[in-house]
């Protein structure tokens, strides 16, 4: 990686950090989503593999730098709620065993 690319990445991380720390960013927002079970399974797997499984598979300096502590717990909670509302928890666990 060149020096220019490294500096650009640092700037992106710094900008994202500034946005995340700006006033109001910690406020809770209620979202209403209507997703097919197909997309619920895919989204849940993305959350699980990309964030919740110990070592993140996402190679992104912004995500890897900010997904910890409270954010990680919120994603874990969201992951569980998605399955609960879609009534897919047992199905998904069995699917993963294959």
PDB file of N, CA and C in Angstrom:
ATOM      1  N   UNK A   1       0.844  -1.163   0.000  1.00  0.00           N
ATOM      2  CA  UNK A   1       0.000   0.000   0.000  1.00  0.00           C
ATOM      3  C   UNK A   1       0.897   1.236   0.000  1.00  0.00           C
ATOM      4  N   UNK A   2       0.548   2.164  -0.866  1.00  0.00           N
ATOM      5  CA  UNK A   2       1.367   3.365  -0.963  1.00  0.00           C
ATOM      6  C   UNK A   2       1.068   4.314   0.192  1.00  0.00           C
ATOM      7  N   UNK A   3       1.941   5.269   0.346  1.00  0.00           N
ATOM      8  CA  UNK A   3       1.797   6.269   1.401  1.00  0.00           C
ATOM      9  C   UNK A   3       0.518   7.083   1.207  1.00  0.00           C
ATOM     10  N   UNK A   4       0.199   7.389  -0.037  1.00  0.00           N
ATOM     11  CA  UNK A   4      -0.998   8.165  -0.347  1.00  0.00           C
ATOM     12  C   UNK A   4      -2.251   7.382   0.053  1.00  0.00           C
ATOM     13  N   UNK A   5      -2.290   6.088  -0.287  1.00  0.00           N
ATOM     14  CA  UNK A   5      -3.435   5.244   0.066  1.00  0.00           C
ATOM     15  C   UNK A   5      -3.598   5.136   1.579  1.00  0.00           C
ATOM     16  N   UNK A   6      -2.485   4.983   2.279  1.00  0.00           N
ATOM     17  CA  UNK A   6      -2.523   4.889   3.745  1.00  0.00           C
ATOM     18  C   UNK A   6      -3.076   6.178   4.347  1.00  0.00           C
ATOM     19  N   UNK A   7      -2.660   7.320   3.824  1.00  0.00           N
ATOM     20  CA  UNK A   7      -3.157   8.612   4.313  1.00  0.00           C
ATOM     21  C   UNK A   7      -4.647   8.780   4.018  1.00  0.00           C
ATOM     22  N   UNK A   8      -5.086   8.316   2.843  1.00  0.00           N
ATOM     23  CA  UNK A   8      -6.504   8.401   2.488  1.00  0.00           C
ATOM     24  C   UNK A   8      -7.350   7.554   3.439  1.00  0.00           C
ATOM     25  N   UNK A   9      -6.858   6.363   3.777  1.00  0.00           N
ATOM     26  CA  UNK A   9      -7.582   5.496   4.706  1.00  0.00           C
ATOM     27  C   UNK A   9      -7.673   6.144   6.080  1.00  0.00           C
ATOM     28  N   UNK A  10      -6.580   6.731   6.538  1.00  0.00           N
ATOM     29  CA  UNK A  10      -6.587   7.410   7.841  1.00  0.00           C
ATOM     30  C   UNK A  10      -7.589   8.558   7.839  1.00  0.00           C
ATOM     31  N   UNK A  11      -7.648   9.299   6.747  1.00  0.00           N
ATOM     32  CA  UNK A  11      -8.591  10.409   6.641  1.00  0.00           C
ATOM     33  C   UNK A  11     -10.033   9.908   6.675  1.00  0.00           C
ATOM     34  N   UNK A  12     -10.311   8.806   5.979  1.00  0.00           N
ATOM     35  CA  UNK A  12     -11.659   8.228   5.984  1.00  0.00           C
ATOM     36  C   UNK A  12     -12.058   7.816   7.394  1.00  0.00           C
ATOM     37  N   UNK A  13     -11.147   7.158   8.090  1.00  0.00           N
ATOM     38  CA  UNK A  13     -11.425   6.713   9.459  1.00  0.00           C
ATOM     39  C   UNK A  13     -11.665   7.914  10.353  1.00  0.00           C
ATOM     40  N   UNK A  14     -10.862   8.940  10.226  1.00  0.00           N
ATOM     41  CA  UNK A  14     -11.011  10.155  11.033  1.00  0.00           C
ATOM     42  C   UNK A  14     -12.348  10.844  10.745  1.00  0.00           C
ATOM     43  N   UNK A  15     -12.730  10.912   9.482  1.00  0.00           N
ATOM     44  CA  UNK A  15     -14.002  11.523   9.103  1.00  0.00           C
ATOM     45  C   UNK A  15     -15.166  10.723   9.679  1.00  0.00           C
ATOM     46  N   UNK A  16     -15.115   9.405   9.550  1.00  0.00           N
ATOM     47  CA  UNK A  16     -16.173   8.546  10.069  1.00  0.00           C
ATOM     48  C   UNK A  16     -16.256   8.666  11.592  1.00  0.00           C
ATOM     49  N   UNK A  17     -15.113   8.722  12.241  1.00  0.00           N
ATOM     50  CA  UNK A  17     -15.070   8.883  13.694  1.00  0.00           C
ATOM     51  C   UNK A  17     -15.727  10.202  14.107  1.00  0.00           C
ATOM     52  N   UNK A  18     -15.492  11.255  13.346  1.00  0.00           N
ATOM     53  CA  UNK A  18     -16.094  12.552  13.623  1.00  0.00           C
ATOM     54  C   UNK A  18     -17.612  12.490  13.473  1.00  0.00           C
ATOM     55  N   UNK A  19     -18.078  11.850  12.408  1.00  0.00           N
ATOM     56  CA  UNK A  19     -19.519  11.714  12.182  1.00  0.00           C
ATOM     57  C   UNK A  19     -20.163  10.919  13.318  1.00  0.00           C
ATOM     58  N   UNK A  20     -19.536   9.813  13.722  1.00  0.00           N
ATOM     59  CA  UNK A  20     -20.095   8.984  14.785  1.00  0.00           C
ATOM     60  C   UNK A  20     -20.131   9.686  16.133  1.00  0.00           C
ATOM     61  N   UNK A  21     -19.251  10.632  16.338  1.00  0.00           N
ATOM     62  CA  UNK A  21     -19.211  11.323  17.636  1.00  0.00           C
ATOM     63  C   UNK A  21     -19.981  12.642  17.627  1.00  0.00           C
ATOM     64  N   UNK A  22     -20.603  12.983  16.523  1.00  0.00           N
ATOM     65  CA  UNK A  22     -21.336  14.247  16.456  1.00  0.00           C
ATOM     66  C   UNK A  22     -22.629  14.171  17.268  1.00  0.00           C
ATOM     67  N   UNK A  23     -23.161  15.316  17.672  1.00  0.00           N
ATOM     68  CA  UNK A  23     -24.358  15.352  18.524  1.00  0.00           C
ATOM     69  C   UNK A  23     -25.538  14.590  17.912  1.00  0.00           C
ATOM     70  N   UNK A  24     -26.211  13.833  18.755  1.00  0.00           N
ATOM     71  CA  UNK A  24     -27.406  13.115  18.332  1.00  0.00           C
ATOM     72  C   UNK A  24     -27.171  11.733  17.748  1.00  0.00           C
ATOM     73  N   UNK A  25     -25.935  11.367  17.499  1.00  0.00           N
ATOM     74  CA  UNK A  25     -25.664  10.081  16.860  1.00  0.00           C
ATOM     75  C   UNK A  25     -25.926   8.900  17.795  1.00  0.00           C
ATOM     76  N   UNK A  26     -26.010   9.116  19.091  1.00  0.00           N
ATOM     77  CA  UNK A  26     -26.276   8.032  20.038  1.00  0.00           C
ATOM     78  C   UNK A  26     -27.771   7.837  20.293  1.00  0.00           C
ATOM     79  N   UNK A  27     -28.595   8.717  19.735  1.00  0.00           N
ATOM     80  CA  UNK A  27     -30.032   8.603  19.931  1.00  0.00           C
ATOM     81  C   UNK A  27     -30.567   7.369  19.209  1.00  0.00           C
ATOM     82  N   UNK A  28     -31.532   6.707  19.848  1.00  0.00           N
ATOM     83  CA  UNK A  28     -32.158   5.520  19.266  1.00  0.00           C
ATOM     84  C   UNK A  28     -33.163   5.948  18.198  1.00  0.00           C
ATOM     85  N   UNK A  29     -33.216   5.192  17.115  1.00  0.00           N
ATOM     86  CA  UNK A  29     -34.160   5.423  16.033  1.00  0.00           C
ATOM     87  C   UNK A  29     -34.951   4.147  15.811  1.00  0.00           C
ATOM     88  N   UNK A  30     -36.241   4.284  15.643  1.00  0.00           N
ATOM     89  CA  UNK A  30     -37.076   3.127  15.399  1.00  0.00           C
ATOM     90  C   UNK A  30     -37.179   2.921  13.885  1.00  0.00           C
ATOM     91  N   UNK A  31     -36.877   1.702  13.452  1.00  0.00           N
ATOM     92  CA  UNK A  31     -36.966   1.360  12.036  1.00  0.00           C
ATOM     93  C   UNK A  31     -38.051   0.321  11.838  1.00  0.00           C
ATOM     94  N   UNK A  32     -38.790   0.461  10.785  1.00  0.00           N
ATOM     95  CA  UNK A  32     -39.746  -0.559  10.419  1.00  0.00           C
ATOM     96  C   UNK A  32     -39.305  -1.100   9.070  1.00  0.00           C
ATOM     97  N   UNK A  33     -38.969  -2.368   9.066  1.00  0.00           N
ATOM     98  CA  UNK A  33     -38.519  -3.015   7.840  1.00  0.00           C
ATOM     99  C   UNK A  33     -39.485  -4.119   7.461  1.00  0.00           C
ATOM    100  N   UNK A  34     -39.684  -4.282   6.196  1.00  0.00           N
ATOM    101  CA  UNK A  34     -40.452  -5.409   5.703  1.00  0.00           C
ATOM    102  C   UNK A  34     -39.519  -6.171   4.771  1.00  0.00           C
ATOM    103  N   UNK A  35     -39.056  -7.319   5.249  1.00  0.00           N
ATOM    104  CA  UNK A  35     -38.109  -8.118   4.497  1.00  0.00           C
ATOM    105  C   UNK A  35     -38.663  -9.518   4.276  1.00  0.00           C
ATOM    106  N   UNK A  36     -38.269 -10.121   3.193  1.00  0.00           N
ATOM    107  CA  UNK A  36     -38.628 -11.524   2.984  1.00  0.00           C
ATOM    108  C   UNK A  36     -37.782 -12.373   3.927  1.00  0.00           C
ATOM    109  N   UNK A  37     -38.234 -13.565   4.229  1.00  0.00           N
ATOM    110  CA  UNK A  37     -37.444 -14.461   5.081  1.00  0.00           C
ATOM    111  C   UNK A  37     -36.107 -14.769   4.418  1.00  0.00           C
ATOM    112  N   UNK A  38     -36.098 -14.798   3.116  1.00  0.00           N
ATOM    113  CA  UNK A  38     -34.860 -15.000   2.353  1.00  0.00           C
ATOM    114  C   UNK A  38     -33.833 -13.938   2.741  1.00  0.00           C
ATOM    115  N   UNK A  39     -34.260 -12.673   2.711  1.00  0.00           N
ATOM    116  CA  UNK A  39     -33.345 -11.582   3.044  1.00  0.00           C
ATOM    117  C   UNK A  39     -33.040 -11.515   4.533  1.00  0.00           C
ATOM    118  N   UNK A  40     -33.972 -11.940   5.365  1.00  0.00           N
ATOM    119  CA  UNK A  40     -33.714 -11.985   6.802  1.00  0.00           C
ATOM    120  C   UNK A  40     -32.598 -12.976   7.094  1.00  0.00           C
ATOM    121  N   UNK A  41     -32.640 -14.140   6.474  1.00  0.00           N
ATOM    122  CA  UNK A  41     -31.578 -15.131   6.674  1.00  0.00           C
ATOM    123  C   UNK A  41     -30.236 -14.600   6.193  1.00  0.00           C
ATOM    124  N   UNK A  42     -30.225 -13.946   5.038  1.00  0.00           N
ATOM    125  CA  UNK A  42     -28.974 -13.398   4.505  1.00  0.00           C
ATOM    126  C   UNK A  42     -28.437 -12.260   5.372  1.00  0.00           C
ATOM    127  N   UNK A  43     -29.297 -11.364   5.803  1.00  0.00           N
ATOM    128  CA  UNK A  43     -28.874 -10.268   6.666  1.00  0.00           C
ATOM    129  C   UNK A  43     -28.342 -10.791   7.993  1.00  0.00           C
ATOM    130  N   UNK A  44     -29.037 -11.763   8.558  1.00  0.00           N
ATOM    131  CA  UNK A  44     -28.603 -12.340   9.822  1.00  0.00           C
ATOM    132  C   UNK A  44     -27.249 -13.018   9.687  1.00  0.00           C
ATOM    133  N   UNK A  45     -27.046 -13.712   8.590  1.00  0.00           N
ATOM    134  CA  UNK A  45     -25.750 -14.370   8.360  1.00  0.00           C
ATOM    135  C   UNK A  45     -24.648 -13.326   8.179  1.00  0.00           C
ATOM    136  N   UNK A  46     -24.952 -12.258   7.490  1.00  0.00           N
ATOM    137  CA  UNK A  46     -23.978 -11.178   7.304  1.00  0.00           C
ATOM    138  C   UNK A  46     -23.583 -10.573   8.649  1.00  0.00           C
ATOM    139  N   UNK A  47     -24.560 -10.326   9.504  1.00  0.00           N
ATOM    140  CA  UNK A  47     -24.268  -9.789  10.839  1.00  0.00           C
ATOM    141  C   UNK A  47     -23.427 -10.781  11.629  1.00  0.00           C
ATOM    142  N   UNK A  48     -23.822 -12.048  11.581  1.00  0.00           N
ATOM    143  CA  UNK A  48     -23.120 -13.073  12.353  1.00  0.00           C
ATOM    144  C   UNK A  48     -21.679 -13.251  11.895  1.00  0.00           C
ATOM    145  N   UNK A  49     -21.487 -13.433  10.609  1.00  0.00           N
ATOM    146  CA  UNK A  49     -20.147 -13.699  10.078  1.00  0.00           C
ATOM    147  C   UNK A  49     -19.282 -12.440  10.072  1.00  0.00           C
ATOM    148  N   UNK A  50     -19.879 -11.326   9.728  1.00  0.00           N
ATOM    149  CA  UNK A  50     -19.101 -10.099   9.598  1.00  0.00           C
ATOM    150  C   UNK A  50     -18.788  -9.409  10.904  1.00  0.00           C
ATOM    151  N   UNK A  51     -19.617  -9.633  11.935  1.00  0.00           N
ATOM    152  CA  UNK A  51     -19.451  -8.859  13.152  1.00  0.00           C
ATOM    153  C   UNK A  51     -19.385  -9.723  14.407  1.00  0.00           C
ATOM    154  N   UNK A  52     -20.303 -10.658  14.547  1.00  0.00           N
ATOM    155  CA  UNK A  52     -20.457 -11.360  15.817  1.00  0.00           C
ATOM    156  C   UNK A  52     -19.487 -12.503  16.030  1.00  0.00           C
ATOM    157  N   UNK A  53     -19.005 -13.121  14.979  1.00  0.00           N
ATOM    158  CA  UNK A  53     -18.057 -14.226  15.142  1.00  0.00           C
ATOM    159  C   UNK A  53     -16.681 -13.653  15.411  1.00  0.00           C
ATOM    160  N   UNK A  54     -16.242 -13.776  16.655  1.00  0.00           N
ATOM    161  CA  UNK A  54     -14.936 -13.324  17.123  1.00  0.00           C
ATOM    162  C   UNK A  54     -14.108 -12.496  16.175  1.00  0.00           C
ATOM    163  N   UNK A  55     -13.561 -13.097  15.168  1.00  0.00           N
ATOM    164  CA  UNK A  55     -12.684 -12.407  14.240  1.00  0.00           C
ATOM    165  C   UNK A  55     -13.476 -12.002  13.004  1.00  0.00           C
ATOM    166  N   UNK A  56     -13.643 -10.722  12.793  1.00  0.00           N
ATOM    167  CA  UNK A  56     -14.450 -10.227  11.681  1.00  0.00           C
ATOM    168  C   UNK A  56     -13.876 -10.648  10.337  1.00  0.00           C
ATOM    169  N   UNK A  57     -14.757 -11.049   9.448  1.00  0.00           N
ATOM    170  CA  UNK A  57     -14.355 -11.433   8.098  1.00  0.00           C
ATOM    171  C   UNK A  57     -14.395 -10.227   7.152  1.00  0.00           C
ATOM    172  N   UNK A  58     -14.883  -9.096   7.664  1.00  0.00           N
ATOM    173  CA  UNK A  58     -14.955  -7.897   6.850  1.00  0.00           C
ATOM    174  C   UNK A  58     -13.628  -7.146   6.933  1.00  0.00           C
ATOM    175  N   UNK A  59     -13.019  -6.956   5.806  1.00  0.00           N
ATOM    176  CA  UNK A  59     -11.742  -6.249   5.760  1.00  0.00           C
ATOM    177  C   UNK A  59     -12.009  -4.774   5.488  1.00  0.00           C
ATOM    178  N   UNK A  60     -12.453  -4.078   6.517  1.00  0.00           N
ATOM    179  CA  UNK A  60     -12.790  -2.674   6.374  1.00  0.00           C
ATOM    180  C   UNK A  60     -12.304  -1.940   7.613  1.00  0.00           C
ATOM    181  N   UNK A  61     -11.417  -0.994   7.425  1.00  0.00           N
ATOM    182  CA  UNK A  61     -10.817  -0.307   8.565  1.00  0.00           C
ATOM    183  C   UNK A  61     -11.835   0.509   9.352  1.00  0.00           C
ATOM    184  N   UNK A  62     -12.878   0.986   8.699  1.00  0.00           N
ATOM    185  CA  UNK A  62     -13.882   1.765   9.405  1.00  0.00           C
ATOM    186  C   UNK A  62     -14.709   0.850  10.306  1.00  0.00           C
ATOM    187  N   UNK A  63     -15.224  -0.239   9.739  1.00  0.00           N
ATOM    188  CA  UNK A  63     -16.046  -1.160  10.523  1.00  0.00           C
ATOM    189  C   UNK A  63     -15.232  -1.788  11.643  1.00  0.00           C
ATOM    190  N   UNK A  64     -14.069  -2.304  11.318  1.00  0.00           N
ATOM    191  CA  UNK A  64     -13.267  -2.987  12.338  1.00  0.00           C
ATOM    192  C   UNK A  64     -12.819  -2.040  13.443  1.00  0.00           C
ATOM    193  N   UNK A  65     -12.749  -0.764  13.172  1.00  0.00           N
ATOM    194  CA  UNK A  65     -12.332   0.198  14.177  1.00  0.00           C
ATOM    195  C   UNK A  65     -13.430   0.658  15.106  1.00  0.00           C
ATOM    196  N   UNK A  66     -14.698   0.406  14.739  1.00  0.00           N
ATOM    197  CA  UNK A  66     -15.799   0.950  15.523  1.00  0.00           C
ATOM    198  C   UNK A  66     -16.782  -0.090  16.045  1.00  0.00           C
ATOM    199  N   UNK A  67     -16.634  -1.359  15.646  1.00  0.00           N
ATOM    200  CA  UNK A  67     -17.561  -2.388  16.112  1.00  0.00           C
ATOM    201  C   UNK A  67     -16.959  -3.065  17.336  1.00  0.00           C
ATOM    202  N   UNK A  68     -17.311  -2.556  18.495  1.00  0.00           N
ATOM    203  CA  UNK A  68     -16.870  -3.137  19.755  1.00  0.00           C
ATOM    204  C   UNK A  68     -17.788  -2.629  20.853  1.00  0.00           C
ATOM    205  N   UNK A  69     -17.740  -3.251  22.015  1.00  0.00           N
ATOM    206  CA  UNK A  69     -18.484  -2.803  23.188  1.00  0.00           C
ATOM    207  C   UNK A  69     -19.968  -2.655  22.951  1.00  0.00           C
ATOM    208  N   UNK A  70     -20.464  -1.437  23.152  1.00  0.00           N
ATOM    209  CA  UNK A  70     -21.895  -1.159  23.045  1.00  0.00           C
ATOM    210  C   UNK A  70     -22.428  -1.449  21.642  1.00  0.00           C
ATOM    211  N   UNK A  71     -21.671  -1.114  20.619  1.00  0.00           N
ATOM    212  CA  UNK A  71     -22.106  -1.374  19.245  1.00  0.00           C
ATOM    213  C   UNK A  71     -22.253  -2.864  18.992  1.00  0.00           C
ATOM    214  N   UNK A  72     -21.306  -3.639  19.471  1.00  0.00           N
ATOM    215  CA  UNK A  72     -21.354  -5.083  19.287  1.00  0.00           C
ATOM    216  C   UNK A  72     -22.572  -5.668  19.992  1.00  0.00           C
ATOM    217  N   UNK A  73     -22.867  -5.204  21.192  1.00  0.00           N
ATOM    218  CA  UNK A  73     -24.040  -5.691  21.928  1.00  0.00           C
ATOM    219  C   UNK A  73     -25.338  -5.317  21.216  1.00  0.00           C
ATOM    220  N   UNK A  74     -25.370  -4.131  20.632  1.00  0.00           N
ATOM    221  CA  UNK A  74     -26.571  -3.709  19.909  1.00  0.00           C
ATOM    222  C   UNK A  74     -26.790  -4.579  18.666  1.00  0.00           C
ATOM    223  N   UNK A  75     -25.707  -4.915  17.964  1.00  0.00           N
ATOM    224  CA  UNK A  75     -25.830  -5.800  16.806  1.00  0.00           C
ATOM    225  C   UNK A  75     -26.241  -7.203  17.235  1.00  0.00           C
ATOM    226  N   UNK A  76     -25.728  -7.677  18.349  1.00  0.00           N
ATOM    227  CA  UNK A  76     -26.108  -8.993  18.866  1.00  0.00           C
ATOM    228  C   UNK A  76     -27.604  -9.014  19.197  1.00  0.00           C
ATOM    229  N   UNK A  77     -28.072  -7.960  19.833  1.00  0.00           N
ATOM    230  CA  UNK A  77     -29.487  -7.845  20.181  1.00  0.00           C
ATOM    231  C   UNK A  77     -30.360  -7.776  18.932  1.00  0.00           C
ATOM    232  N   UNK A  78     -29.921  -7.005  17.948  1.00  0.00           N
ATOM    233  CA  UNK A  78     -30.656  -6.890  16.697  1.00  0.00           C
ATOM    234  C   UNK A  78     -30.720  -8.243  15.987  1.00  0.00           C
ATOM    235  N   UNK A  79     -29.619  -8.955  15.993  1.00  0.00           N
ATOM    236  CA  UNK A  79     -29.536 -10.283  15.372  1.00  0.00           C
ATOM    237  C   UNK A  79     -30.571 -11.216  15.986  1.00  0.00           C
ATOM    238  N   UNK A  80     -30.656 -11.224  17.303  1.00  0.00           N
ATOM    239  CA  UNK A  80     -31.619 -12.086  18.002  1.00  0.00           C
ATOM    240  C   UNK A  80     -33.056 -11.649  17.724  1.00  0.00           C
ATOM    241  N   UNK A  81     -33.296 -10.346  17.698  1.00  0.00           N
ATOM    242  CA  UNK A  81     -34.648  -9.855  17.464  1.00  0.00           C
ATOM    243  C   UNK A  81     -35.127 -10.163  16.043  1.00  0.00           C
ATOM    244  N   UNK A  82     -34.235 -10.077  15.082  1.00  0.00           N
ATOM    245  CA  UNK A  82     -34.598 -10.405  13.703  1.00  0.00           C
ATOM    246  C   UNK A  82     -35.122 -11.829  13.624  1.00  0.00           C
ATOM    247  N   UNK A  83     -34.395 -12.761  14.233  1.00  0.00           N
ATOM    248  CA  UNK A  83     -34.830 -14.156  14.209  1.00  0.00           C
ATOM    249  C   UNK A  83     -36.129 -14.358  14.976  1.00  0.00           C
ATOM    250  N   UNK A  84     -36.246 -13.698  16.105  1.00  0.00           N
ATOM    251  CA  UNK A  84     -37.454 -13.861  16.915  1.00  0.00           C
ATOM    252  C   UNK A  84     -38.684 -13.388  16.147  1.00  0.00           C
ATOM    253  N   UNK A  85     -38.604 -12.222  15.543  1.00  0.00           N
ATOM    254  CA  UNK A  85     -39.747 -11.663  14.821  1.00  0.00           C
ATOM    255  C   UNK A  85     -40.082 -12.462  13.566  1.00  0.00           C
ATOM    256  N   UNK A  86     -39.077 -13.038  12.938  1.00  0.00           N
ATOM    257  CA  UNK A  86     -39.320 -13.827  11.721  1.00  0.00           C
ATOM    258  C   UNK A  86     -39.619 -15.291  12.026  1.00  0.00           C
ATOM    259  N   UNK A  87     -39.488 -15.666  13.302  1.00  0.00           N
ATOM    260  CA  UNK A  87     -39.710 -17.049  13.733  1.00  0.00           C
ATOM    261  C   UNK A  87     -38.811 -18.022  12.950  1.00  0.00           C
ATOM    262  N   UNK A  88     -37.540 -17.663  12.844  1.00  0.00           N
ATOM    263  CA  UNK A  88     -36.583 -18.457  12.065  1.00  0.00           C
ATOM    264  C   UNK A  88     -35.416 -18.992  12.888  1.00  0.00           C
ATOM    265  N   UNK A  89     -35.385 -18.760  14.182  1.00  0.00           N
ATOM    266  CA  UNK A  89     -34.231 -19.130  15.008  1.00  0.00           C
ATOM    267  C   UNK A  89     -33.903 -20.620  14.915  1.00  0.00           C
ATOM    268  N   UNK A  90     -34.879 -21.488  15.164  1.00  0.00           N
ATOM    269  CA  UNK A  90     -34.636 -22.936  15.115  1.00  0.00           C
ATOM    270  C   UNK A  90     -34.223 -23.378  13.712  1.00  0.00           C
ATOM    271  N   UNK A  91     -34.916 -22.850  12.721  1.00  0.00           N
ATOM    272  CA  UNK A  91     -34.604 -23.201  11.335  1.00  0.00           C
ATOM    273  C   UNK A  91     -33.163 -22.830  11.000  1.00  0.00           C
ATOM    274  N   UNK A  92     -32.761 -21.624  11.388  1.00  0.00           N
ATOM    275  CA  UNK A  92     -31.411 -21.158  11.089  1.00  0.00           C
ATOM    276  C   UNK A  92     -30.342 -21.998  11.794  1.00  0.00           C
ATOM    277  N   UNK A  93     -30.584 -22.331  13.050  1.00  0.00           N
ATOM    278  CA  UNK A  93     -29.623 -23.159  13.785  1.00  0.00           C
ATOM    279  C   UNK A  93     -29.465 -24.531  13.128  1.00  0.00           C
ATOM    280  N   UNK A  94     -30.552 -25.109  12.684  1.00  0.00           N
ATOM    281  CA  UNK A  94     -30.490 -26.406  11.990  1.00  0.00           C
ATOM    282  C   UNK A  94     -29.790 -26.267  10.648  1.00  0.00           C
ATOM    283  N   UNK A  95     -30.054 -25.194   9.953  1.00  0.00           N
ATOM    284  CA  UNK A  95     -29.417 -24.936   8.663  1.00  0.00           C
ATOM    285  C   UNK A  95     -27.900 -24.828   8.804  1.00  0.00           C
ATOM    286  N   UNK A  96     -27.451 -24.185   9.877  1.00  0.00           N
ATOM    287  CA  UNK A  96     -26.008 -24.024  10.106  1.00  0.00           C
ATOM    288  C   UNK A  96     -25.323 -25.365  10.392  1.00  0.00           C
ATOM    289  N   UNK A  97     -26.075 -26.344  10.899  1.00  0.00           N
ATOM    290  CA  UNK A  97     -25.488 -27.649  11.220  1.00  0.00           C
ATOM    291  C   UNK A  97     -25.197 -28.481   9.978  1.00  0.00           C
ATOM    292  N   UNK A  98     -25.796 -28.110   8.852  1.00  0.00           N
ATOM    293  CA  UNK A  98     -25.591 -28.894   7.620  1.00  0.00           C
ATOM    294  C   UNK A  98     -24.185 -28.764   7.087  1.00  0.00           C
TER     295      UNK A  98
END
